[in-house]
Protein backbone atom coordinates (compact mmCIF):
# COMPACT_ATOMS: atom_id res chain seq x y z
CA MET A 1 0.00 0.00 0.00
CA PRO A 2 1.60 3.31 -1.03
CA ILE A 3 2.18 6.09 1.47
CA THR A 4 0.97 9.53 0.46
CA GLN A 5 3.35 12.17 1.74
CA ILE A 6 2.31 15.77 1.83
CA ILE A 7 5.55 17.14 0.46
CA PRO A 8 5.73 19.30 -2.70
CA GLY A 9 7.36 17.59 -5.66
CA THR A 10 7.12 16.79 -9.33
CA ILE A 11 5.88 13.83 -11.29
CA ALA A 12 8.07 12.74 -14.19
CA GLY A 13 6.07 11.15 -16.94
CA PRO A 14 7.22 8.44 -19.34
CA THR A 15 9.72 9.34 -22.05
CA ILE A 16 10.13 7.49 -25.31
CA VAL A 17 13.31 7.96 -27.29
CA ALA A 18 13.52 6.54 -30.80
CA SER A 19 16.72 7.08 -32.69
CA MET A 20 16.33 5.12 -35.91
CA GLY A 21 14.67 6.55 -39.06
CA SER A 22 10.93 5.79 -39.17
CA LYS A 23 10.84 4.63 -35.53
CA THR A 24 11.07 8.29 -34.49
CA ARG A 25 7.63 8.90 -35.97
CA TYR A 26 6.17 5.99 -33.98
CA GLY A 27 7.90 7.20 -30.83
CA ARG A 28 6.22 10.58 -31.20
CA LEU A 29 2.85 8.88 -31.66
CA LEU A 30 3.30 6.57 -28.70
CA LEU A 31 4.36 9.28 -26.23
CA PRO A 32 0.87 10.87 -25.90
CA ILE A 33 -0.75 7.44 -25.71
CA PHE A 34 1.55 6.28 -22.90
CA ALA A 35 1.14 9.60 -21.10
CA MET A 36 -2.68 9.23 -21.18
CA LEU A 37 -2.44 5.63 -19.95
CA PHE A 38 -0.13 6.72 -17.11
CA ILE A 39 -2.50 9.51 -16.04
CA ALA A 40 -5.50 7.15 -16.22
CA ALA A 41 -3.71 4.54 -14.09
CA VAL A 42 -2.85 7.13 -11.42
CA ALA A 43 -6.43 8.45 -11.39
CA CYS A 44 -7.96 4.96 -11.17
CA GLY A 45 -5.76 4.07 -8.21
CA SER A 46 -7.19 6.93 -6.17
CA GLY A 47 -10.89 6.74 -6.99
CA GLY A 48 -10.48 9.05 -10.00
CA SER A 49 -10.11 12.23 -7.95
CA GLY A 50 -6.32 12.21 -7.71
CA LEU A 51 -6.71 12.34 -3.92
CA PRO A 52 -5.76 9.65 -1.42
CA GLY A 53 -8.70 7.44 -0.45
CA LEU A 54 -9.94 5.34 2.45
CA GLY A 55 -7.25 2.94 3.64
CA ASP A 56 -4.34 4.88 2.14
CA LYS A 57 -1.42 5.67 4.47
CA LEU A 58 -0.96 9.40 4.97
CA LEU A 59 2.13 11.12 6.36
CA LEU A 60 1.45 14.61 7.73
CA PRO A 61 3.91 17.09 9.23
CA THR A 62 2.83 19.18 12.21
CA GLY A 63 0.51 21.87 10.83
CA GLY A 64 -0.10 19.83 7.67
CA SER A 65 -3.37 18.73 6.16
CA VAL A 66 -4.62 16.41 3.43
CA GLU A 67 -7.95 16.00 1.68
CA VAL A 68 -9.17 12.38 1.43
CA ASP A 69 -11.74 11.11 -1.06
CA THR A 70 -14.01 8.74 0.89
CA GLY A 71 -16.11 7.81 -2.13
CA ASP A 72 -19.18 9.85 -1.20
CA GLU A 73 -17.49 12.97 0.17
CA ARG A 74 -14.14 14.59 0.79
CA VAL A 75 -12.75 14.86 4.30
CA LEU A 76 -9.92 17.14 5.42
CA ILE A 77 -7.52 15.65 7.98
CA GLN A 78 -5.20 17.97 9.90
CA PHE A 79 -2.25 17.43 12.25
CA LEU A 80 -2.83 20.56 14.32
CA SER A 81 -0.26 20.41 17.13
CA VAL A 82 1.98 18.48 19.49
CA ASP A 83 0.63 19.36 22.94
CA ALA A 84 2.84 17.23 25.21
CA GLU A 85 5.80 14.91 24.77
CA SER A 86 7.06 12.65 27.55
CA ARG A 87 8.04 9.57 25.49
CA CYS A 88 11.51 8.31 26.35
CA PRO A 89 13.96 9.90 23.87
CA GLN A 90 16.51 8.02 21.76
CA GLY A 91 19.65 7.10 23.67
CA VAL A 92 18.14 7.79 27.12
CA GLN A 93 17.21 5.17 29.71
CA CYS A 94 13.84 5.94 31.30
CA ILE A 95 11.87 4.31 34.12
CA VAL A 96 8.63 4.69 32.13
CA ALA A 97 8.15 4.78 28.35
CA GLY A 98 5.99 7.92 28.49
CA GLU A 99 3.50 9.22 25.95
CA ALA A 100 2.82 12.13 23.62
CA THR A 101 -0.42 14.07 23.16
CA ILE A 102 -1.24 15.58 19.79
CA THR A 103 -4.31 17.29 18.37
CA LEU A 104 -5.82 16.10 15.10
CA GLY A 105 -8.66 17.68 13.15
CA LEU A 106 -11.29 16.23 10.85
CA THR A 107 -13.42 18.51 8.68
CA LEU A 108 -16.36 17.09 6.75
CA GLU A 109 -17.60 18.38 3.41
CA ASP A 110 -20.59 20.04 5.13
CA GLY A 111 -18.14 22.17 7.13
CA GLY A 112 -18.50 20.28 10.41
CA ARG A 113 -15.09 20.28 12.09
CA ARG A 114 -13.91 18.18 14.98
CA ALA A 115 -10.58 18.71 16.71
CA PHE A 116 -9.62 16.03 19.21
CA PRO A 117 -6.60 15.09 21.31
CA VAL A 118 -4.84 11.76 20.77
CA THR A 119 -2.57 10.30 23.45
CA VAL A 120 0.16 8.16 21.91
CA PRO A 121 2.20 5.67 23.95
CA LEU A 122 5.77 4.97 22.79
CA GLY A 123 5.71 2.51 19.87
CA ALA A 124 1.91 2.18 19.76
CA SER A 125 -0.88 3.01 17.34
CA VAL A 126 -4.11 4.70 18.40
CA ARG A 127 -7.57 4.34 16.87
CA SER A 128 -10.11 7.18 17.15
CA GLU A 129 -13.74 7.00 15.99
CA VAL A 130 -14.90 10.39 14.80
CA ALA A 131 -17.89 11.55 12.72
CA GLY A 132 -18.58 8.12 11.22
CA PHE A 133 -14.92 7.43 10.39
CA VAL A 134 -12.04 5.61 12.06
CA LEU A 135 -8.80 7.61 12.08
CA THR A 136 -5.87 5.41 13.08
CA LEU A 137 -2.59 7.01 14.05
CA THR A 138 -0.22 4.19 13.11
CA SER A 139 2.82 6.07 14.44
CA LEU A 140 4.03 9.43 15.63
CA LEU A 141 7.49 9.94 14.17
CA PRO A 142 10.21 9.93 15.20
CA ASP A 143 9.51 7.02 17.53
CA PRO A 144 11.30 7.20 19.91
CA PRO A 145 11.67 10.98 19.70
CA LEU A 146 14.96 12.84 19.68
CA GLU A 147 16.07 14.30 23.01
CA SER A 148 15.52 17.85 21.80
CA MET A 149 13.01 18.41 18.98
CA LEU A 150 11.17 21.22 17.33
CA GLU A 151 7.42 20.74 16.99
CA SER A 152 7.80 21.06 13.22
CA SER A 153 9.98 17.90 13.17
CA TYR A 154 7.09 15.55 14.00
CA ARG A 155 5.22 13.45 11.44
CA ALA A 156 1.92 11.65 11.99
CA GLU A 157 1.33 8.49 9.98
CA LEU A 158 -2.45 8.08 9.64
CA VAL A 159 -5.03 5.86 7.95
CA LEU A 160 -8.70 6.85 7.49
CA THR A 161 -11.30 4.05 7.22
CA ARG A 162 -14.96 3.40 8.01
CA PRO A 163 -16.02 1.38 11.07
C-alpha cells in the first residue's frame, strides 16, 4: 500500500526515445498514448479524484493537512499540534516509556469540524472513531523521539477508514 506524503514535488512522466529513421515517428505517436495511460492509471488508483482514499497511508507534518476522497465525500484531515511529549527519547534510559499528546482535526464536506486530542504511547498506534470514520494514528514519528526536537519535526502516519 503506497504512502501519500504531503511534500511538494514533481511527477516525471514516461519518455520514449527513438533514434532510428521511421521509428522516431512511432515514438512521437506513442508518447501521448503512454502519457494518457499513465494519467488514467494514477487516477484509477485513487478513486479518479487524484486524492488519497480510504485505507491509504498518509504522512502529515505538524501543521499539515490532506484531503481524502471517501467515495461519497471529501474529508480534510489535519495534524494541528503536538501538545505534550514525555516519550523516552533516543539514547536515554527511562523508568517509564511515556506518551505524547497531539491534536488532530477532521473537517467534513458540510463544514462540520472536529478537533480532538490523541494520546500516543511509545511505539503504539491509536484508533479514534470520529464523525462516522475511524482515524488510526499508526505512528508518531520519530519514535522514539529525539532528546531535543522542534514541533515542526514531528510526522503523523495516519489511515482513514470506516467502522
